C-alpha atoms as a PDB file:
ATOM      1  CA  MET A   1      95.722  17.521 127.372  1.00  0.00           C
ATOM      2  CA  GLU A   2      94.436  17.496 123.857  1.00  0.00           C
ATOM      3  CA  ASN A   3      95.701  20.190 121.522  1.00  0.00           C
ATOM      4  CA  GLU A   4      92.277  21.730 121.085  1.00  0.00           C
ATOM      5  CA  GLU A   5      92.196  22.644 124.765  1.00  0.00           C
ATOM      6  CA  PHE A   6      95.082  25.078 124.256  1.00  0.00           C
ATOM      7  CA  HIS A   7      93.167  27.767 122.466  1.00  0.00           C
ATOM      8  CA  VAL A   8      92.233  31.415 122.487  1.00  0.00           C
ATOM      9  CA  CYS A   9      88.523  32.240 122.540  1.00  0.00           C
ATOM     10  CA  TYR A  10      86.554  35.425 122.152  1.00  0.00           C
ATOM     11  CA  PHE A  11      82.888  36.344 122.203  1.00  0.00           C
ATOM     12  CA  ASP A  12      81.735  37.775 118.868  1.00  0.00           C
ATOM     13  CA  PRO A  13      78.588  39.884 119.401  1.00  0.00           C
ATOM     14  CA  ARG A  14      77.840  39.957 115.676  1.00  0.00           C
ATOM     15  CA  LYS A  15      77.315  36.198 115.652  1.00  0.00           C
ATOM     16  CA  GLU A  16      76.253  35.993 119.290  1.00  0.00           C
ATOM     17  CA  ASN A  17      78.606  33.134 120.065  1.00  0.00           C
ATOM     18  CA  TRP A  18      82.077  32.213 121.233  1.00  0.00           C
ATOM     19  CA  GLU A  19      84.712  31.742 118.554  1.00  0.00           C
ATOM     20  CA  LYS A  20      88.322  30.607 118.512  1.00  0.00           C
ATOM     21  CA  LEU A  21      91.369  32.444 117.322  1.00  0.00           C
ATOM     22  CA  PRO A  22      94.211  30.461 115.747  1.00  0.00           C
ATOM     23  CA  ALA A  23      95.763  28.200 118.378  1.00  0.00           C
ATOM     24  CA  LEU A  24      99.095  28.785 120.062  1.00  0.00           C
ATOM     25  CA  ASN A  25     101.532  26.058 121.023  1.00  0.00           C
ATOM     26  CA  SER A  26     100.471  23.992 124.011  1.00  0.00           C
ATOM     27  CA  LEU A  27     101.013  26.568 126.739  1.00  0.00           C
ATOM     28  CA  TYR A  28     100.228  26.563 130.430  1.00  0.00           C
ATOM     29  CA  SER A  29     100.326  29.851 132.325  1.00  0.00           C
ATOM     30  CA  PRO A  30     100.977  32.390 129.560  1.00  0.00           C
ATOM     31  CA  ALA A  31     100.450  36.061 130.348  1.00  0.00           C
ATOM     32  CA  CYS A  32      98.603  38.361 127.964  1.00  0.00           C
ATOM     33  CA  VAL A  33      97.895  42.043 127.438  1.00  0.00           C
ATOM     34  CA  ALA A  34      96.222  44.134 124.727  1.00  0.00           C
ATOM     35  CA  VAL A  35      97.534  47.350 123.193  1.00  0.00           C
ATOM     36  CA  GLY A  36      95.172  48.893 120.660  1.00  0.00           C
ATOM     37  CA  ASP A  37      94.005  46.169 118.282  1.00  0.00           C
ATOM     38  CA  LYS A  38      96.977  43.914 119.046  1.00  0.00           C
ATOM     39  CA  LEU A  39      97.090  41.061 121.546  1.00  0.00           C
ATOM     40  CA  TYR A  40     100.420  40.049 123.098  1.00  0.00           C
ATOM     41  CA  VAL A  41     101.114  36.734 124.834  1.00  0.00           C
ATOM     42  CA  SER A  42     104.374  36.057 126.663  1.00  0.00           C
ATOM     43  CA  GLY A  43     106.016  33.116 128.355  1.00  0.00           C
ATOM     44  CA  GLY A  44     104.232  30.099 129.783  1.00  0.00           C
ATOM     45  CA  THR A  45     105.014  26.438 130.353  1.00  0.00           C
ATOM     46  CA  LEU A  46     105.203  24.025 127.432  1.00  0.00           C
ATOM     47  CA  ARG A  47     103.926  20.466 127.263  1.00  0.00           C
ATOM     48  CA  ASP A  48     107.383  19.093 128.120  1.00  0.00           C
ATOM     49  CA  LYS A  49     107.336  21.239 131.324  1.00  0.00           C
ATOM     50  CA  SER A  50     110.009  23.589 130.046  1.00  0.00           C
ATOM     51  CA  HIS A  51     109.334  27.313 130.299  1.00  0.00           C
ATOM     52  CA  SER A  52     108.998  29.619 127.329  1.00  0.00           C
ATOM     53  CA  ALA A  53     110.612  32.999 126.681  1.00  0.00           C
ATOM     54  CA  ALA A  54     108.513  33.591 123.562  1.00  0.00           C
ATOM     55  CA  LEU A  55     106.530  36.721 122.787  1.00  0.00           C
ATOM     56  CA  HIS A  56     103.585  36.311 120.411  1.00  0.00           C
ATOM     57  CA  LYS A  57     101.482  39.026 118.806  1.00  0.00           C
ATOM     58  CA  TYR A  58      98.020  38.503 117.337  1.00  0.00           C
ATOM     59  CA  ASP A  59      96.935  40.922 114.648  1.00  0.00           C
ATOM     60  CA  PHE A  60      93.142  40.955 114.563  1.00  0.00           C
ATOM     61  CA  PHE A  61      92.963  42.347 111.034  1.00  0.00           C
ATOM     62  CA  LYS A  62      95.459  39.852 109.598  1.00  0.00           C
ATOM     63  CA  GLY A  63      93.965  37.020 111.627  1.00  0.00           C
ATOM     64  CA  ARG A  64      97.255  35.406 112.615  1.00  0.00           C
ATOM     65  CA  TRP A  65      99.899  35.148 115.301  1.00  0.00           C
ATOM     66  CA  LEU A  66     103.346  36.636 114.751  1.00  0.00           C
ATOM     67  CA  HIS A  67     106.590  35.861 116.587  1.00  0.00           C
ATOM     68  CA  LEU A  68     108.403  38.796 118.173  1.00  0.00           C
ATOM     69  CA  PRO A  69     111.857  38.822 119.811  1.00  0.00           C
ATOM     70  CA  PRO A  70     111.781  36.609 122.929  1.00  0.00           C
ATOM     71  CA  MET A  71     112.350  37.684 126.507  1.00  0.00           C
ATOM     72  CA  SER A  72     115.858  37.367 127.928  1.00  0.00           C
ATOM     73  CA  VAL A  73     114.762  34.500 130.203  1.00  0.00           C
ATOM     74  CA  PRO A  74     111.854  32.042 130.195  1.00  0.00           C
ATOM     75  CA  ARG A  75     108.991  33.059 132.465  1.00  0.00           C
ATOM     76  CA  ALA A  76     105.665  31.731 133.703  1.00  0.00           C
ATOM     77  CA  SER A  77     103.321  33.025 136.408  1.00  0.00           C
ATOM     78  CA  HIS A  78     104.785  36.474 135.759  1.00  0.00           C
ATOM     79  CA  GLY A  79     103.368  39.959 135.660  1.00  0.00           C
ATOM     80  CA  PHE A  80     102.853  41.206 132.110  1.00  0.00           C
ATOM     81  CA  LEU A  81     101.656  44.792 131.752  1.00  0.00           C
ATOM     82  CA  ALA A  82     101.499  47.545 129.140  1.00  0.00           C
ATOM     83  CA  CYS A  83     102.270  51.211 129.736  1.00  0.00           C
ATOM     84  CA  ASN A  84     103.182  54.014 127.309  1.00  0.00           C
ATOM     85  CA  GLN A  85     103.690  51.742 124.283  1.00  0.00           C
ATOM     86  CA  LYS A  86     105.925  49.375 126.211  1.00  0.00           C
ATOM     87  CA  LEU A  87     105.380  45.873 127.566  1.00  0.00           C
ATOM     88  CA  TYR A  88     106.760  44.876 130.959  1.00  0.00           C
ATOM     89  CA  ALA A  89     107.568  41.294 132.015  1.00  0.00           C
ATOM     90  CA  LEU A  90     107.962  41.194 135.790  1.00  0.00           C
ATOM     91  CA  GLY A  91     109.230  38.370 137.979  1.00  0.00           C
ATOM     92  CA  GLY A  92     107.527  35.002 137.644  1.00  0.00           C
ATOM     93  CA  CYS A  93     109.251  31.642 137.738  1.00  0.00           C
ATOM     94  CA  GLY A  94     111.675  30.002 135.362  1.00  0.00           C
ATOM     95  CA  GLY A  95     111.181  26.432 136.564  1.00  0.00           C
ATOM     96  CA  PHE A  96     109.925  24.462 139.536  1.00  0.00           C
ATOM     97  CA  GLU A  97     110.112  26.891 142.490  1.00  0.00           C
ATOM     98  CA  ASP A  98     112.680  28.934 140.565  1.00  0.00           C
ATOM     99  CA  TYR A  99     111.351  32.368 141.483  1.00  0.00           C
ATOM    100  CA  LEU A 100     112.610  35.336 139.477  1.00  0.00           C
ATOM    101  CA  ASP A 101     113.416  38.880 140.563  1.00  0.00           C
ATOM    102  CA  SER A 102     114.387  40.020 137.074  1.00  0.00           C
ATOM    103  CA  ALA A 103     112.250  42.347 134.953  1.00  0.00           C
ATOM    104  CA  GLU A 104     112.448  43.619 131.392  1.00  0.00           C
ATOM    105  CA  CYS A 105     110.720  46.007 129.029  1.00  0.00           C
ATOM    106  CA  PHE A 106     109.768  45.539 125.359  1.00  0.00           C
ATOM    107  CA  ASP A 107     109.567  48.697 123.239  1.00  0.00           C
ATOM    108  CA  LEU A 108     106.738  48.255 120.737  1.00  0.00           C
ATOM    109  CA  MET A 109     108.304  50.761 118.342  1.00  0.00           C
ATOM    110  CA  GLU A 110     111.905  49.511 118.479  1.00  0.00           C
ATOM    111  CA  LYS A 111     110.945  45.832 118.898  1.00  0.00           C
ATOM    112  CA  THR A 112     113.665  45.294 121.492  1.00  0.00           C
ATOM    113  CA  TRP A 113     113.818  44.069 125.095  1.00  0.00           C
ATOM    114  CA  THR A 114     115.705  46.070 127.741  1.00  0.00           C
ATOM    115  CA  PRO A 115     116.387  45.028 131.362  1.00  0.00           C
ATOM    116  CA  ILE A 116     114.871  47.252 134.043  1.00  0.00           C
ATOM    117  CA  SER A 117     115.451  47.426 137.798  1.00  0.00           C
ATOM    118  CA  ARG A 118     115.135  44.107 139.579  1.00  0.00           C
ATOM    119  CA  LEU A 119     112.214  43.469 141.897  1.00  0.00           C
ATOM    120  CA  PRO A 120     112.972  43.939 145.618  1.00  0.00           C
ATOM    121  CA  LEU A 121     112.359  40.185 145.970  1.00  0.00           C
ATOM    122  CA  ALA A 122     111.838  37.178 143.717  1.00  0.00           C
ATOM    123  CA  LEU A 123     108.096  36.805 143.254  1.00  0.00           C
ATOM    124  CA  SER A 124     105.533  34.985 141.129  1.00  0.00           C
ATOM    125  CA  CYS A 125     101.765  34.402 141.107  1.00  0.00           C
ATOM    126  CA  SER A 126     100.994  38.061 141.869  1.00  0.00           C
ATOM    127  CA  ALA A 127      97.915  40.006 140.858  1.00  0.00           C
ATOM    128  CA  SER A 128      99.114  42.753 138.515  1.00  0.00           C
ATOM    129  CA  ALA A 129      97.747  46.004 137.109  1.00  0.00           C
ATOM    130  CA  THR A 130      98.813  49.316 135.562  1.00  0.00           C
ATOM    131  CA  LEU A 131      97.633  52.626 136.997  1.00  0.00           C
ATOM    132  CA  LYS A 132      98.909  56.122 136.173  1.00  0.00           C
ATOM    133  CA  ASP A 133     102.414  55.245 134.958  1.00  0.00           C
ATOM    134  CA  LYS A 134     102.887  52.754 137.767  1.00  0.00           C
ATOM    135  CA  LEU A 135     102.980  48.966 137.651  1.00  0.00           C
ATOM    136  CA  TYR A 136     101.547  47.050 140.606  1.00  0.00           C
ATOM    137  CA  LEU A 137     102.316  43.510 141.757  1.00  0.00           C
ATOM    138  CA  ILE A 138      99.949  42.645 144.615  1.00  0.00           C
ATOM    139  CA  GLY A 139     100.681  39.656 146.822  1.00  0.00           C
ATOM    140  CA  GLY A 140     102.062  36.566 145.157  1.00  0.00           C
ATOM    141  CA  GLU A 141     104.297  33.694 146.112  1.00  0.00           C
ATOM    142  CA  ARG A 142     107.972  33.631 147.068  1.00  0.00           C
ATOM    143  CA  LYS A 143     110.492  31.114 148.352  1.00  0.00           C
ATOM    144  CA  ASN A 144     111.044  31.051 152.102  1.00  0.00           C
ATOM    145  CA  TYR A 145     113.720  28.594 153.168  1.00  0.00           C
ATOM    146  CA  LEU A 146     112.445  25.190 151.997  1.00  0.00           C
ATOM    147  CA  PHE A 147     108.864  25.989 151.055  1.00  0.00           C
ATOM    148  CA  PRO A 148     106.902  28.662 149.188  1.00  0.00           C
ATOM    149  CA  GLU A 149     104.986  31.282 151.128  1.00  0.00           C
ATOM    150  CA  MET A 150     102.514  33.991 150.214  1.00  0.00           C
ATOM    151  CA  TYR A 151     103.822  37.532 150.033  1.00  0.00           C
ATOM    152  CA  LYS A 152     102.308  40.115 152.370  1.00  0.00           C
ATOM    153  CA  GLY A 153     102.808  43.285 150.372  1.00  0.00           C
ATOM    154  CA  VAL A 154     102.683  45.261 147.135  1.00  0.00           C
ATOM    155  CA  LEU A 155     105.530  46.048 144.740  1.00  0.00           C
ATOM    156  CA  ILE A 156     105.090  49.299 142.797  1.00  0.00           C
ATOM    157  CA  TYR A 157     107.272  50.231 139.826  1.00  0.00           C
ATOM    158  CA  ASP A 158     107.349  53.824 138.586  1.00  0.00           C
ATOM    159  CA  VAL A 159     107.999  53.666 134.833  1.00  0.00           C
ATOM    160  CA  ASN A 160     109.306  57.251 134.812  1.00  0.00           C
ATOM    161  CA  SER A 161     111.846  56.984 137.626  1.00  0.00           C
ATOM    162  CA  GLY A 162     112.606  53.275 137.203  1.00  0.00           C
ATOM    163  CA  ILE A 163     112.334  52.770 140.968  1.00  0.00           C
ATOM    164  CA  TRP A 164     110.514  50.004 142.852  1.00  0.00           C
ATOM    165  CA  THR A 165     108.612  50.758 146.055  1.00  0.00           C
ATOM    166  CA  GLN A 166     107.645  48.063 148.535  1.00  0.00           C
ATOM    167  CA  VAL A 167     104.408  48.612 150.484  1.00  0.00           C
ATOM    168  CA  PRO A 168     103.262  46.206 153.241  1.00  0.00           C
ATOM    169  CA  LEU A 169      99.771  44.713 153.256  1.00  0.00           C
ATOM    170  CA  ALA A 170      97.792  43.669 156.303  1.00  0.00           C
ATOM    171  CA  VAL A 171      97.240  40.221 154.765  1.00  0.00           C
ATOM    172  CA  ALA A 172      99.070  37.919 152.374  1.00  0.00           C
ATOM    173  CA  CYS A 173      97.426  36.692 149.185  1.00  0.00           C
ATOM    174  CA  CYS A 174      98.215  34.978 145.887  1.00  0.00           C
ATOM    175  CA  SER A 175      96.411  33.603 142.840  1.00  0.00           C
ATOM    176  CA  ALA A 176      94.186  36.694 142.763  1.00  0.00           C
ATOM    177  CA  GLY A 177      93.171  38.914 139.857  1.00  0.00           C
ATOM    178  CA  ALA A 178      93.465  42.702 139.669  1.00  0.00           C
ATOM    179  CA  VAL A 179      91.795  45.402 137.580  1.00  0.00           C
ATOM    180  CA  PRO A 180      92.232  49.204 137.650  1.00  0.00           C
ATOM    181  CA  MET A 181      88.918  50.972 138.194  1.00  0.00           C
ATOM    182  CA  ASN A 182      87.616  54.135 139.893  1.00  0.00           C
ATOM    183  CA  ASN A 183      91.151  55.523 140.326  1.00  0.00           C
ATOM    184  CA  GLY A 184      92.213  52.437 142.214  1.00  0.00           C
ATOM    185  CA  ILE A 185      92.904  48.736 141.807  1.00  0.00           C
ATOM    186  CA  TYR A 186      90.444  46.036 142.809  1.00  0.00           C
ATOM    187  CA  VAL A 187      92.073  42.736 143.778  1.00  0.00           C
ATOM    188  CA  ILE A 188      89.588  39.898 143.430  1.00  0.00           C
ATOM    189  CA  GLY A 189      89.583  36.381 144.878  1.00  0.00           C
ATOM    190  CA  GLY A 190      92.759  34.397 145.409  1.00  0.00           C
ATOM    191  CA  TYR A 191      94.165  32.527 148.378  1.00  0.00           C
ATOM    192  CA  SER A 192      94.738  34.148 151.754  1.00  0.00           C
ATOM    193  CA  LYS A 193      95.485  32.825 155.219  1.00  0.00           C
ATOM    194  CA  GLU A 194      93.416  35.522 156.905  1.00  0.00           C
ATOM    195  CA  ARG A 195      89.630  35.495 156.979  1.00  0.00           C
ATOM    196  CA  MET A 196      89.233  38.813 155.201  1.00  0.00           C
ATOM    197  CA  ARG A 197      86.061  39.830 153.380  1.00  0.00           C
ATOM    198  CA  HIS A 198      87.935  42.505 151.498  1.00  0.00           C
ATOM    199  CA  LEU A 199      91.016  44.617 152.057  1.00  0.00           C
ATOM    200  CA  PRO A 200      90.996  48.164 150.662  1.00  0.00           C
ATOM    201  CA  VAL A 201      94.494  49.630 150.769  1.00  0.00           C
ATOM    202  CA  SER A 202      95.984  52.942 149.696  1.00  0.00           C
ATOM    203  CA  GLU A 203      99.402  53.296 148.087  1.00  0.00           C
ATOM    204  CA  ASP A 204     101.045  53.951 151.453  1.00  0.00           C
ATOM    205  CA  GLY A 205      99.596  50.756 152.919  1.00  0.00           C
ATOM    206  CA  ARG A 206      96.803  52.303 154.987  1.00  0.00           C
ATOM    207  CA  MET A 207      93.380  50.675 154.882  1.00  0.00           C
ATOM    208  CA  ASP A 208      90.404  52.457 153.345  1.00  0.00           C
ATOM    209  CA  GLU A 209      87.357  51.412 155.345  1.00  0.00           C
ATOM    210  CA  ASP A 210      84.962  53.225 152.987  1.00  0.00           C
ATOM    211  CA  VAL A 211      85.355  50.644 150.220  1.00  0.00           C
ATOM    212  CA  VAL A 212      82.775  47.848 150.433  1.00  0.00           C
ATOM    213  CA  VAL A 213      82.888  44.825 148.148  1.00  0.00           C
ATOM    214  CA  PRO A 214      80.411  41.923 148.455  1.00  0.00           C
ATOM    215  CA  GLU A 215      81.603  38.372 148.899  1.00  0.00           C
ATOM    216  CA  LEU A 216      81.944  36.232 145.810  1.00  0.00           C
ATOM    217  CA  PRO A 217      79.274  33.515 145.536  1.00  0.00           C
ATOM    218  CA  ARG A 218      82.011  30.938 146.134  1.00  0.00           C
ATOM    219  CA  GLY A 219      85.669  30.886 147.060  1.00  0.00           C
ATOM    220  CA  ILE A 220      87.591  31.279 143.792  1.00  0.00           C
ATOM    221  CA  ALA A 221      91.307  31.410 143.040  1.00  0.00           C
ATOM    222  CA  GLY A 222      93.141  31.441 139.734  1.00  0.00           C
ATOM    223  CA  ALA A 223      90.158  33.014 137.967  1.00  0.00           C
ATOM    224  CA  GLY A 224      90.320  35.341 134.999  1.00  0.00           C
ATOM    225  CA  VAL A 225      89.436  38.840 136.197  1.00  0.00           C
ATOM    226  CA  VAL A 226      88.649  41.599 133.685  1.00  0.00           C
ATOM    227  CA  GLN A 227      86.943  44.987 133.743  1.00  0.00           C
ATOM    228  CA  TRP A 228      84.411  46.162 131.173  1.00  0.00           C
ATOM    229  CA  GLU A 229      82.863  49.636 131.541  1.00  0.00           C
ATOM    230  CA  ARG A 230      81.732  49.734 135.196  1.00  0.00           C
ATOM    231  CA  ARG A 231      81.690  45.996 135.700  1.00  0.00           C
ATOM    232  CA  ILE A 232      84.268  43.564 137.010  1.00  0.00           C
ATOM    233  CA  TYR A 233      84.000  40.037 135.605  1.00  0.00           C
ATOM    234  CA  VAL A 234      85.327  36.854 137.216  1.00  0.00           C
ATOM    235  CA  LEU A 235      85.702  33.982 134.739  1.00  0.00           C
ATOM    236  CA  GLY A 236      86.289  30.365 135.713  1.00  0.00           C
ATOM    237  CA  GLY A 237      88.770  29.642 138.479  1.00  0.00           C
ATOM    238  CA  GLU A 238      89.122  26.857 141.007  1.00  0.00           C
ATOM    239  CA  ASN A 239      87.640  26.018 144.360  1.00  0.00           C
ATOM    240  CA  CYS A 240      89.543  27.280 147.370  1.00  0.00           C
ATOM    241  CA  TRP A 241      86.674  27.669 149.835  1.00  0.00           C
ATOM    242  CA  VAL A 242      86.439  23.919 150.363  1.00  0.00           C
ATOM    243  CA  TYR A 243      89.648  23.827 152.414  1.00  0.00           C
ATOM    244  CA  THR A 244      88.198  25.641 155.416  1.00  0.00           C
ATOM    245  CA  ASN A 245      84.426  25.267 155.047  1.00  0.00           C
ATOM    246  CA  PRO A 246      83.246  21.795 156.111  1.00  0.00           C
ATOM    247  CA  ASN A 247      79.738  22.573 154.841  1.00  0.00           C
ATOM    248  CA  VAL A 248      80.837  22.559 151.181  1.00  0.00           C
ATOM    249  CA  HIS A 249      79.471  19.406 149.564  1.00  0.00           C
ATOM    250  CA  ASN A 250      80.076  17.710 146.216  1.00  0.00           C
ATOM    251  CA  GLU A 251      83.255  19.688 145.655  1.00  0.00           C
ATOM    252  CA  SER A 252      86.926  18.923 146.165  1.00  0.00           C
ATOM    253  CA  PRO A 253      90.201  20.864 145.993  1.00  0.00           C
ATOM    254  CA  GLY A 254      90.318  19.758 142.343  1.00  0.00           C
ATOM    255  CA  THR A 255      87.012  21.442 141.452  1.00  0.00           C
ATOM    256  CA  TYR A 256      87.255  23.905 138.563  1.00  0.00           C
ATOM    257  CA  TYR A 257      84.610  26.299 137.307  1.00  0.00           C
ATOM    258  CA  ASP A 258      83.336  27.460 133.921  1.00  0.00           C
ATOM    259  CA  THR A 259      81.072  30.144 135.384  1.00  0.00           C
ATOM    260  CA  ILE A 260      81.173  33.903 134.787  1.00  0.00           C
ATOM    261  CA  TYR A 261      80.218  36.409 137.498  1.00  0.00           C
ATOM    262  CA  PHE A 262      80.126  40.191 137.362  1.00  0.00           C
ATOM    263  CA  TRP A 263      79.847  42.969 139.913  1.00  0.00           C
ATOM    264  CA  GLU A 264      79.310  46.691 139.598  1.00  0.00           C
ATOM    265  CA  PRO A 265      80.235  49.189 142.331  1.00  0.00           C
ATOM    266  CA  SER A 266      77.163  50.105 144.404  1.00  0.00           C
ATOM    267  CA  HIS A 267      75.641  46.663 143.753  1.00  0.00           C
ATOM    268  CA  LEU A 268      75.159  44.496 146.826  1.00  0.00           C
ATOM    269  CA  THR A 269      75.837  41.132 145.200  1.00  0.00           C
ATOM    270  CA  TRP A 270      77.636  39.424 142.333  1.00  0.00           C
ATOM    271  CA  THR A 271      75.534  38.298 139.350  1.00  0.00           C
ATOM    272  CA  GLU A 272      76.072  35.029 137.482  1.00  0.00           C
ATOM    273  CA  CYS A 273      75.969  35.302 133.687  1.00  0.00           C
ATOM    274  CA  PRO A 274      73.853  32.788 131.731  1.00  0.00           C
ATOM    275  CA  GLU A 275      76.805  32.066 129.423  1.00  0.00           C
ATOM    276  CA  ASN A 276      79.636  29.806 130.532  1.00  0.00           C
ATOM    277  CA  LEU A 277      83.202  29.591 129.303  1.00  0.00           C
ATOM    278  CA  PRO A 278      83.486  27.632 126.020  1.00  0.00           C
ATOM    279  CA  ILE A 279      85.733  24.841 127.245  1.00  0.00           C
ATOM    280  CA  VAL A 280      85.661  21.070 126.891  1.00  0.00           C
ATOM    281  CA  ALA A 281      86.515  20.282 130.512  1.00  0.00           C
ATOM    282  CA  ASP A 282      84.328  21.018 133.532  1.00  0.00           C
ATOM    283  CA  GLY A 283      86.218  24.196 134.280  1.00  0.00           C
ATOM    284  CA  VAL A 284      89.506  26.005 133.961  1.00  0.00           C
ATOM    285  CA  SER A 285      91.913  27.903 136.181  1.00  0.00           C
ATOM    286  CA  GLY A 286      95.059  29.924 135.681  1.00  0.00           C
ATOM    287  CA  PHE A 287      94.428  31.344 132.218  1.00  0.00           C
ATOM    288  CA  GLY A 288      95.091  34.740 130.683  1.00  0.00           C
ATOM    289  CA  PRO A 289      91.935  36.869 130.338  1.00  0.00           C
ATOM    290  CA  LEU A 290      91.460  40.381 128.983  1.00  0.00           C
ATOM    291  CA  ALA A 291      88.806  42.682 127.534  1.00  0.00           C
ATOM    292  CA  TRP A 292      89.861  43.589 124.020  1.00  0.00           C
ATOM    293  CA  GLY A 293      88.583  46.785 122.464  1.00  0.00           C
ATOM    294  CA  ARG A 294      87.823  45.829 118.860  1.00  0.00           C
ATOM    295  CA  LEU A 295      84.250  44.554 119.165  1.00  0.00           C
ATOM    296  CA  PRO A 296      81.188  46.049 120.890  1.00  0.00           C
ATOM    297  CA  VAL A 297      79.775  44.477 124.013  1.00  0.00           C
ATOM    298  CA  LEU A 298      76.688  42.276 123.895  1.00  0.00           C
ATOM    299  CA  GLY A 299      74.758  41.186 126.930  1.00  0.00           C
ATOM    300  CA  PRO A 300      76.526  40.392 130.195  1.00  0.00           C
ATOM    301  CA  LEU A 301      79.858  39.361 128.659  1.00  0.00           C
ATOM    302  CA  PRO A 302      83.004  41.442 128.391  1.00  0.00           C
ATOM    303  CA  ARG A 303      83.727  42.939 125.001  1.00  0.00           C
ATOM    304  CA  VAL A 304      86.190  40.261 123.980  1.00  0.00           C
ATOM    305  CA  PRO A 305      87.039  37.922 126.856  1.00  0.00           C
ATOM    306  CA  LEU A 306      90.069  36.035 125.610  1.00  0.00           C
ATOM    307  CA  THR A 307      90.834  32.682 127.155  1.00  0.00           C
ATOM    308  CA  LEU A 308      94.319  31.187 127.355  1.00  0.00           C
ATOM    309  CA  PRO A 309      93.901  28.097 129.559  1.00  0.00           C
ATOM    310  CA  SER A 310      96.822  27.069 131.697  1.00  0.00           C
ATOM    311  CA  CYS A 311      95.318  24.884 134.400  1.00  0.00           C
ATOM    312  CA  SER A 312      92.468  22.419 134.025  1.00  0.00           C
ATOM    313  CA  PRO A 313      91.432  19.149 135.658  1.00  0.00           C
ATOM    314  CA  HIS A 314      94.353  17.111 134.330  1.00  0.00           C
ATOM    315  CA  PRO A 315      97.338  15.821 136.332  1.00  0.00           C
ATOM    316  CA  ALA A 316     100.404  18.044 136.399  1.00  0.00           C
ATOM    317  CA  PRO A 317     103.541  16.434 137.841  1.00  0.00           C
ATOM    318  CA  ASP A 318     105.898  18.160 140.274  1.00  0.00           C
ATOM    319  CA  CYS A 319     103.161  20.125 141.969  1.00  0.00           C
ATOM    320  CA  SER A 320     103.454  18.731 145.473  1.00  0.00           C
ATOM    321  CA  SER A 321     105.084  20.098 148.600  1.00  0.00           C
ATOM    322  CA  PRO A 322     105.381  18.566 152.072  1.00  0.00           C
ATOM    323  CA  THR A 323     103.351  21.424 153.579  1.00  0.00           C
ATOM    324  CA  LEU A 324     100.729  21.883 150.891  1.00  0.00           C
ATOM    325  CA  PRO A 325      97.892  19.597 149.736  1.00  0.00           C
ATOM    326  CA  GLN A 326      98.285  17.670 146.486  1.00  0.00           C
ATOM    327  CA  HIS A 327      96.547  19.421 143.615  1.00  0.00           C
ATOM    328  CA  SER A 328      95.768  18.062 140.174  1.00  0.00           C
ATOM    329  CA  CYS A 329      97.511  21.192 138.919  1.00  0.00           C
ATOM    330  CA  CYS A 330      99.108  24.272 140.367  1.00  0.00           C
ATOM    331  CA  CYS A 331      97.170  27.356 141.257  1.00  0.00           C
ATOM    332  CA  CYS A 332      99.354  30.388 140.777  1.00  0.00           C
ATOM    333  CA  SER A 333      96.973  33.231 139.982  1.00  0.00           C
ATOM    334  CA  ALA A 334      95.633  34.064 136.584  1.00  0.00           C
ATOM    335  CA  SER A 335      98.835  32.959 135.010  1.00  0.00           C
ATOM    336  CA  SER A 336      99.762  29.926 137.047  1.00  0.00           C
ATOM    337  CA  SER A 337     102.344  27.335 136.219  1.00  0.00           C
ATOM    338  CA  PRO A 338     102.548  23.621 136.984  1.00  0.00           C
ATOM    339  CA  GLY A 339     106.305  23.980 137.290  1.00  0.00           C
ATOM    340  CA  CYS A 340     106.339  26.815 139.800  1.00  0.00           C
ATOM    341  CA  SER A 341     104.633  25.931 143.009  1.00  0.00           C
ATOM    342  CA  SER A 342     102.369  23.510 144.694  1.00  0.00           C
ATOM    343  CA  GLY A 343      99.119  25.281 145.402  1.00  0.00           C
ATOM    344  CA  PRO A 344      97.249  26.483 148.447  1.00  0.00           C
ATOM    345  CA  SER A 345      97.738  25.586 152.062  1.00  0.00           C
ATOM    346  CA  PRO A 346      94.833  23.965 153.953  1.00  0.00           C
ATOM    347  CA  ALA A 347      94.440  27.155 156.010  1.00  0.00           C
ATOM    348  CA  LEU A 348      93.714  29.416 153.063  1.00  0.00           C
ATOM    349  CA  LEU A 349      90.371  31.155 152.786  1.00  0.00           C
ATOM    350  CA  PRO A 350      89.582  33.501 149.894  1.00  0.00           C
ATOM    351  CA  ARG A 351      86.140  34.599 148.954  1.00  0.00           C
ATOM    352  CA  SER A 352      85.939  38.114 147.663  1.00  0.00           C
ATOM    353  CA  ALA A 353      87.755  41.203 146.566  1.00  0.00           C
ATOM    354  CA  ARG A 354      91.033  41.664 148.377  1.00  0.00           C
ATOM    355  CA  ALA A 355      92.041  45.266 147.911  1.00  0.00           C
ATOM    356  CA  LEU A 356      91.543  48.645 146.377  1.00  0.00           C
ATOM    357  CA  LEU A 357      94.856  50.411 145.836  1.00  0.00           C
ATOM    358  CA  SER A 358      94.648  54.153 145.384  1.00  0.00           C
ATOM    359  CA  PRO A 359      97.114  55.883 143.048  1.00  0.00           C
END
């Protein structure tokens, strides 16, 4: 990859165009979160395939990145969430199929990392979200004997009690995106072995049949999923529908997208935005997206959709497994890592929202 492809982009409504923030080091699969007018980026995989423990902060007013104390261990494909002026790094992988069950918390006031309770199982590639003082890791990928497998459940961490709760799901999924909305969590896209249109689930694992989410226009995994006002946006991603739909033409498992779709509850379909992601390649998957609150919204785009590419149509070594198809890069959710896992199984079929988790 060329250096310019490792960048951070935002949409500036004052100029009506996409612009770049100062570049970070060549990172695959970083995780990002915003707190106030600050953007935080943690972990990721470097060009030499090593994993990073770094924590970066971007100050919008100063216009530059700052280095903060690093995490205790390198992480990629990890959950990275903010709650009550603290940042939480959850699970992920520290190398090729080196799944982590460790978790730690960064106090924004004290500028220090502190270990927290370990996850009930080592897990990466999960959809993650914060809702009412609880941190959610939905689905993901874990090691099972010789090969990775998708996780069929939800891990919930209560920041007040420091206790993890494990809730089963009716289906397994990974490489999805999650956003809190309407007192629940919408889990969008991703890979799943079951042919599920959507899967609304409450905190205790029971299904909520009243929630209806339309199918995505195409099967997408590893997309950036963000929420702005009443809309959910799906940015980029990679093709996963082609594995099980023989009628898909002119696409391959290595097809990546630069499209942007949005959906609003009560709408019957997803809408494609006229703007595309500002990237050099044909598409991008496995990047860190978020809606940042400093600039007003303009048109169909999120307020400030930030783009931290981690997977694009370039070869990534060490991404094969005897049971999984060869991919040009790994597909481990919105913060995937070429050194973590091998990608989807031929039986996977995602196409729409996976779940709504009630608080």
